[in-house]
Amino acid sequence: MSMRFRPSFNGPDPLALATALLESGLGSWDLPTRVRVDGEVVEPSRDWLKRHGAPNATIYANFGPSDFMVMNDSVKAECAMPDLSTTEILDRIAPMPFTVGSLGSLHDSWFDAEPPYEPPGTEHGLWMNGWAVVLKGHGHRQLVSRRWLENGPWKLHAAPDDVTFVEFHERDADPQAALAAARDAHQRFGLHNRGGYIPTDYEPERSVDALYESGKRQLTIVVHGRSVSEAEMLEVCAARLFQSEERPIDHVAYVFAEATAARRHQRALWLRDLGCYTFVEGELTQLEGAG
């Protein structure tokens, strides 16, 4: 079974990141057959990145069956699947200077169907969700909560330096089985109403009616006679993530007029580290845990 390896990463220094990926041994990127810099064809050479790398430059290099691209704050490549175990691949990824990585689909057949499969993604410039997502250090901040990692339809692998490898399907699964296993995970870990990942360029789609309590540094949302959607929870988590200095947010409290409604929402709120409150014997009470 022929598989394609599609690594992509973002980080504060894309040239250092590109160098690290080229030197990782994960792909065959030696002498390119074609190189373009900002759309202009230049002479290929083994030192193409050193010669043409510059801040904000878009560089594309072709190596026959393999490709490599550097653009803005991201690096994106494609090659044959390396003859390495998942653990060995992670060991080579972990030291690289990235924050978020996406290892795209291993199977071209996912996109040959009618209509083709269109998975959500994490960050602009990275492959759409496929085999796995990798987070390092500050990259975990884009999650609605670290609890999201431990409570999803995926397999987790950890590496030193606070690296988490989120595997959506078994690497050796056939294409159909892999897609069946990954569909729900892709939504839960992508830019989707059901998702728990917030891209750095996230733009809110709706406003949430909330009371800001400056003394508590808290957003309070009163709920009566309605259900709280996962899309709304995502918007609130984004407001917490991208808070301003003038309006800091340490806590978000959903206050339900009805205890049954609070318990119905308790786990979803807990997963996102959002407070769930209701009235118990006339006293405002926080419902702790997942319920």
Protein backbone atom coordinates (compact mmCIF):
# COMPACT_ATOMS: atom_id res chain seq x y z
CA MET A 1 0.00 0.00 0.00
CA SER A 2 1.58 3.26 -1.18
CA MET A 3 1.38 6.07 1.38
CA ARG A 4 2.42 9.71 1.21
CA PHE A 5 4.03 11.53 4.12
CA ARG A 6 2.82 15.13 4.40
CA PRO A 7 4.48 17.02 7.26
CA SER A 8 3.73 20.68 7.91
CA PHE A 9 4.64 22.92 10.84
CA ASN A 10 4.49 26.51 11.98
CA GLY A 11 6.81 28.32 14.33
CA PRO A 12 8.47 31.65 15.14
CA ASP A 13 11.46 31.06 12.80
CA PRO A 14 10.34 29.32 9.59
CA LEU A 15 13.86 29.17 8.13
CA ALA A 16 15.22 27.40 11.21
CA LEU A 17 12.18 25.14 11.12
CA ALA A 18 12.73 24.35 7.43
CA THR A 19 16.39 23.56 8.09
CA ALA A 20 15.42 21.23 10.94
CA LEU A 21 12.89 19.37 8.76
CA LEU A 22 15.36 19.04 5.87
CA GLU A 23 17.94 17.59 8.27
CA SER A 24 15.50 15.32 10.12
CA GLY A 25 15.85 12.35 7.77
CA LEU A 26 12.07 12.19 7.36
CA GLY A 27 12.17 12.81 3.60
CA SER A 28 14.33 12.74 0.47
CA TRP A 29 15.05 16.42 -0.05
CA ASP A 30 18.59 16.62 -1.42
CA LEU A 31 19.14 18.22 -4.85
CA PRO A 32 15.96 19.89 -6.14
CA THR A 33 14.97 19.73 -9.78
CA ARG A 34 13.17 23.08 -9.64
CA VAL A 35 13.13 26.04 -7.23
CA ARG A 36 10.87 29.10 -7.23
CA VAL A 37 11.25 32.12 -4.96
CA ASP A 38 8.19 34.40 -4.77
CA GLY A 39 7.04 32.88 -8.04
CA GLU A 40 10.34 33.41 -9.88
CA VAL A 41 12.31 30.38 -11.11
CA VAL A 42 15.91 30.27 -9.79
CA GLU A 43 18.77 27.86 -10.35
CA PRO A 44 18.44 24.66 -8.28
CA SER A 45 21.24 23.84 -5.87
CA ARG A 46 21.78 21.77 -2.75
CA ASP A 47 22.08 24.96 -0.68
CA TRP A 48 18.82 26.38 -2.10
CA LEU A 49 17.40 27.24 1.31
CA LYS A 50 20.55 28.97 2.55
CA ARG A 51 20.94 30.84 -0.74
CA HIS A 52 17.36 32.02 -1.15
CA GLY A 53 15.87 31.92 2.34
CA ALA A 54 14.69 35.33 3.55
CA PRO A 55 12.02 36.61 5.93
CA ASN A 56 8.54 36.58 4.35
CA ALA A 57 9.81 34.88 1.17
CA THR A 58 7.73 32.08 -0.34
CA ILE A 59 10.05 29.32 -1.52
CA TYR A 60 8.98 26.19 -3.36
CA ALA A 61 11.37 23.34 -4.18
CA ASN A 62 10.54 20.22 -6.18
CA PHE A 63 12.51 17.00 -5.81
CA GLY A 64 10.75 14.85 -8.41
CA PRO A 65 8.20 12.89 -6.35
CA SER A 66 8.76 15.14 -3.32
CA ASP A 67 7.98 18.80 -2.61
CA PHE A 68 9.02 21.35 0.01
CA MET A 69 7.58 24.81 0.66
CA VAL A 70 8.46 27.63 3.05
CA MET A 71 5.97 30.49 3.42
CA ASN A 72 5.26 33.10 6.07
CA ASP A 73 5.52 31.27 9.40
CA SER A 74 5.03 27.73 8.10
CA VAL A 75 6.81 24.87 6.37
CA LYS A 76 4.96 22.29 4.29
CA ALA A 77 6.33 19.21 2.50
CA GLU A 78 5.40 15.94 0.82
CA CYS A 79 7.37 12.78 0.14
CA ALA A 80 7.22 8.99 0.32
CA MET A 81 6.37 7.56 3.74
CA PRO A 82 9.65 7.08 5.64
CA ASP A 83 10.55 3.55 6.72
CA LEU A 84 10.28 4.49 10.37
CA SER A 85 7.92 3.62 13.21
CA THR A 86 5.53 6.22 14.61
CA THR A 87 7.77 6.54 17.67
CA GLU A 88 10.83 7.12 15.48
CA ILE A 89 8.98 9.75 13.46
CA LEU A 90 7.95 11.52 16.67
CA ASP A 91 11.52 11.36 17.99
CA ARG A 92 12.70 13.25 14.89
CA ILE A 93 9.88 15.79 15.01
CA ALA A 94 10.05 16.63 18.72
CA PRO A 95 13.35 18.61 18.71
CA MET A 96 12.27 20.86 15.83
CA PRO A 97 11.42 24.53 16.64
CA PHE A 98 7.68 24.38 15.94
CA THR A 99 4.50 25.14 17.87
CA VAL A 100 1.84 23.31 15.82
CA GLY A 101 2.24 20.62 13.18
CA SER A 102 -0.16 18.76 10.94
CA LEU A 103 0.73 15.47 9.26
CA GLY A 104 -1.73 15.39 6.39
CA SER A 105 -3.50 12.46 4.82
CA LEU A 106 -1.41 9.39 4.06
CA HIS A 107 -3.90 8.33 1.38
CA ASP A 108 -4.64 10.12 -1.89
CA SER A 109 -7.77 7.98 -2.28
CA TRP A 110 -9.51 10.03 0.42
CA PHE A 111 -9.82 12.82 -2.13
CA ASP A 112 -10.68 10.71 -5.19
CA ALA A 113 -14.28 10.07 -4.16
CA GLU A 114 -17.25 12.13 -5.36
CA PRO A 115 -17.58 14.42 -3.57
CA PRO A 116 -13.98 14.41 -2.30
CA TYR A 117 -13.39 14.34 1.43
CA GLU A 118 -12.80 17.83 2.84
CA PRO A 119 -11.42 17.63 6.39
CA PRO A 120 -11.12 20.68 8.60
CA GLY A 121 -7.67 21.89 9.62
CA THR A 122 -5.88 23.69 12.42
CA GLU A 123 -3.71 26.55 11.17
CA HIS A 124 -3.50 28.42 7.87
CA GLY A 125 -0.57 27.16 5.81
CA LEU A 126 -0.65 23.63 7.26
CA TRP A 127 -2.07 20.46 5.74
CA MET A 128 -5.71 19.82 6.56
CA ASN A 129 -6.26 17.17 9.23
CA GLY A 130 -5.07 13.76 8.11
CA TRP A 131 -2.99 11.26 10.03
CA ALA A 132 -2.02 13.35 13.06
CA VAL A 133 -1.55 16.76 14.68
CA VAL A 134 1.49 17.61 16.81
CA LEU A 135 1.56 20.32 19.49
CA LYS A 136 4.62 21.69 21.26
CA GLY A 137 4.78 24.07 24.22
CA HIS A 138 2.72 27.17 23.50
CA GLY A 139 0.89 25.33 20.73
CA HIS A 140 -1.24 23.71 23.43
CA ARG A 141 -2.66 27.15 24.26
CA GLN A 142 -4.80 26.99 21.13
CA LEU A 143 -6.86 24.21 22.70
CA VAL A 144 -10.07 25.04 24.50
CA SER A 145 -8.52 23.14 27.41
CA ARG A 146 -5.82 20.54 27.97
CA ARG A 147 -8.66 18.25 29.04
CA TRP A 148 -9.58 18.09 25.36
CA LEU A 149 -6.48 16.01 24.67
CA GLU A 150 -7.39 13.27 27.14
CA ASN A 151 -11.03 12.98 26.09
CA GLY A 152 -11.11 12.59 22.31
CA PRO A 153 -11.37 9.82 19.70
CA TRP A 154 -7.63 9.68 19.08
CA LYS A 155 -4.45 8.13 20.41
CA LEU A 156 -1.92 10.27 22.25
CA HIS A 157 1.86 9.96 22.21
CA ALA A 158 4.06 12.18 24.38
CA ALA A 159 7.65 13.31 23.84
CA PRO A 160 10.06 15.51 25.82
CA ASP A 161 9.79 19.32 25.70
CA ASP A 162 6.00 19.24 26.10
CA VAL A 163 5.29 17.61 22.74
CA THR A 164 1.97 15.85 22.13
CA PHE A 165 1.35 13.70 19.06
CA VAL A 166 -2.38 13.30 18.39
CA GLU A 167 -2.90 10.29 16.10
CA PHE A 168 -6.29 10.18 14.38
CA HIS A 169 -5.99 6.67 12.97
CA GLU A 170 -3.59 3.76 12.99
CA ARG A 171 -0.79 4.40 10.55
CA ASP A 172 -1.08 1.00 8.87
CA ALA A 173 -4.88 1.00 8.54
CA ASP A 174 -6.21 0.70 4.99
CA PRO A 175 -7.53 3.95 3.50
CA GLN A 176 -11.22 3.23 4.14
CA ALA A 177 -10.68 2.09 7.72
CA ALA A 178 -8.37 5.06 8.36
CA LEU A 179 -10.97 7.54 7.13
CA ALA A 180 -13.76 5.89 9.09
CA ALA A 181 -11.66 6.16 12.26
CA ALA A 182 -10.56 9.74 11.59
CA ARG A 183 -13.72 11.58 10.49
CA ASP A 184 -15.03 12.39 13.95
CA ALA A 185 -11.54 13.08 15.30
CA HIS A 186 -10.87 15.54 12.47
CA GLN A 187 -13.92 17.58 13.46
CA ARG A 188 -13.14 17.45 17.16
CA PHE A 189 -9.56 18.62 16.56
CA GLY A 190 -10.11 21.11 13.73
CA LEU A 191 -11.74 24.41 12.94
CA HIS A 192 -15.29 23.15 13.30
CA ASN A 193 -18.30 23.99 15.47
CA ARG A 194 -17.63 20.75 17.36
CA GLY A 195 -13.91 21.38 17.52
CA GLY A 196 -11.59 22.12 20.41
CA TYR A 197 -8.76 23.81 18.52
CA ILE A 198 -8.76 27.59 18.05
CA PRO A 199 -6.55 28.83 15.17
CA THR A 200 -4.32 31.82 15.79
CA ASP A 201 -6.21 33.75 13.09
CA TYR A 202 -9.65 32.76 14.39
CA GLU A 203 -12.44 35.20 13.59
CA PRO A 204 -15.62 35.07 15.73
CA GLU A 205 -18.81 34.33 13.83
CA ARG A 206 -21.26 35.39 16.51
CA SER A 207 -21.39 37.49 19.65
CA VAL A 208 -22.33 35.97 22.99
CA ASP A 209 -24.45 37.91 25.45
CA ALA A 210 -22.28 37.91 28.58
CA LEU A 211 -21.77 40.04 31.67
CA TYR A 212 -18.17 41.01 32.37
CA GLU A 213 -17.31 41.28 36.07
CA SER A 214 -14.04 43.19 36.28
CA GLY A 215 -13.51 42.50 39.98
CA LYS A 216 -13.59 38.76 39.37
CA ARG A 217 -12.06 38.99 35.88
CA GLN A 218 -14.98 36.81 34.86
CA LEU A 219 -17.47 36.40 32.03
CA THR A 220 -20.90 35.35 33.28
CA ILE A 221 -23.50 33.96 30.89
CA VAL A 222 -27.02 33.35 32.18
CA VAL A 223 -28.92 30.52 30.50
CA HIS A 224 -32.68 30.12 30.71
CA GLY A 225 -34.96 28.25 28.33
CA ARG A 226 -32.31 27.37 25.76
CA SER A 227 -29.48 24.97 25.02
CA VAL A 228 -25.88 26.11 24.73
CA SER A 229 -24.37 24.95 21.45
CA GLU A 230 -20.81 23.73 21.03
CA ALA A 231 -20.35 26.57 18.54
CA GLU A 232 -21.16 29.09 21.28
CA MET A 233 -18.76 27.40 23.68
CA LEU A 234 -16.04 27.69 21.04
CA GLU A 235 -16.71 31.42 20.68
CA VAL A 236 -16.47 31.90 24.45
CA CYS A 237 -13.22 29.94 24.62
CA ALA A 238 -11.84 32.12 21.81
CA ALA A 239 -12.83 35.27 23.72
CA ARG A 240 -10.94 33.91 26.73
CA LEU A 241 -7.89 33.01 24.63
CA PHE A 242 -7.70 36.33 22.78
CA GLN A 243 -8.60 38.52 25.75
CA SER A 244 -7.39 42.09 25.89
CA GLU A 245 -5.35 43.76 28.61
CA GLU A 246 -8.28 46.09 29.26
CA ARG A 247 -10.63 43.14 29.80
CA PRO A 248 -8.71 40.20 31.27
CA ILE A 249 -10.61 36.92 31.69
CA ASP A 250 -9.59 34.35 34.27
CA HIS A 251 -12.88 32.51 34.47
CA VAL A 252 -16.07 31.92 32.49
CA ALA A 253 -19.27 31.02 34.35
CA TYR A 254 -22.38 29.60 32.74
CA VAL A 255 -25.27 30.08 35.18
CA PHE A 256 -28.31 27.89 34.46
CA ALA A 257 -31.72 28.74 35.86
CA GLU A 258 -32.65 25.05 35.70
CA ALA A 259 -30.54 22.39 37.42
CA THR A 260 -31.46 19.73 34.87
CA ALA A 261 -30.18 21.94 32.05
CA ALA A 262 -26.96 22.58 33.97
CA ARG A 263 -26.32 18.86 34.41
CA ARG A 264 -27.06 18.25 30.75
CA HIS A 265 -24.31 20.72 29.77
CA GLN A 266 -21.88 19.91 32.59
CA ARG A 267 -19.51 17.57 30.75
CA ALA A 268 -19.26 19.73 27.61
CA LEU A 269 -18.43 22.78 29.72
CA TRP A 270 -15.96 20.85 31.88
CA LEU A 271 -14.11 19.65 28.76
CA ARG A 272 -13.56 23.30 27.83
CA ASP A 273 -12.70 24.47 31.38
CA LEU A 274 -15.87 26.59 31.49
CA GLY A 275 -17.68 26.89 34.81
CA CYS A 276 -21.13 25.31 35.19
CA TYR A 277 -23.38 26.82 37.87
CA THR A 278 -26.97 26.37 38.97
CA PHE A 279 -29.12 26.84 42.03
CA VAL A 280 -29.18 24.04 44.60
CA GLU A 281 -31.61 24.60 47.47
CA GLY A 282 -31.63 28.28 46.62
CA GLU A 283 -27.83 28.65 46.64
CA LEU A 284 -25.75 29.36 43.53
CA THR A 285 -23.53 26.28 43.26
CA GLN A 286 -20.80 25.23 40.88
CA LEU A 287 -21.15 21.70 39.51
CA GLU A 288 -17.68 20.22 39.75
CA GLY A 289 -16.16 17.66 37.42
CA ALA A 290 -17.50 16.02 34.28
CA GLY A 291 -20.82 15.01 35.81
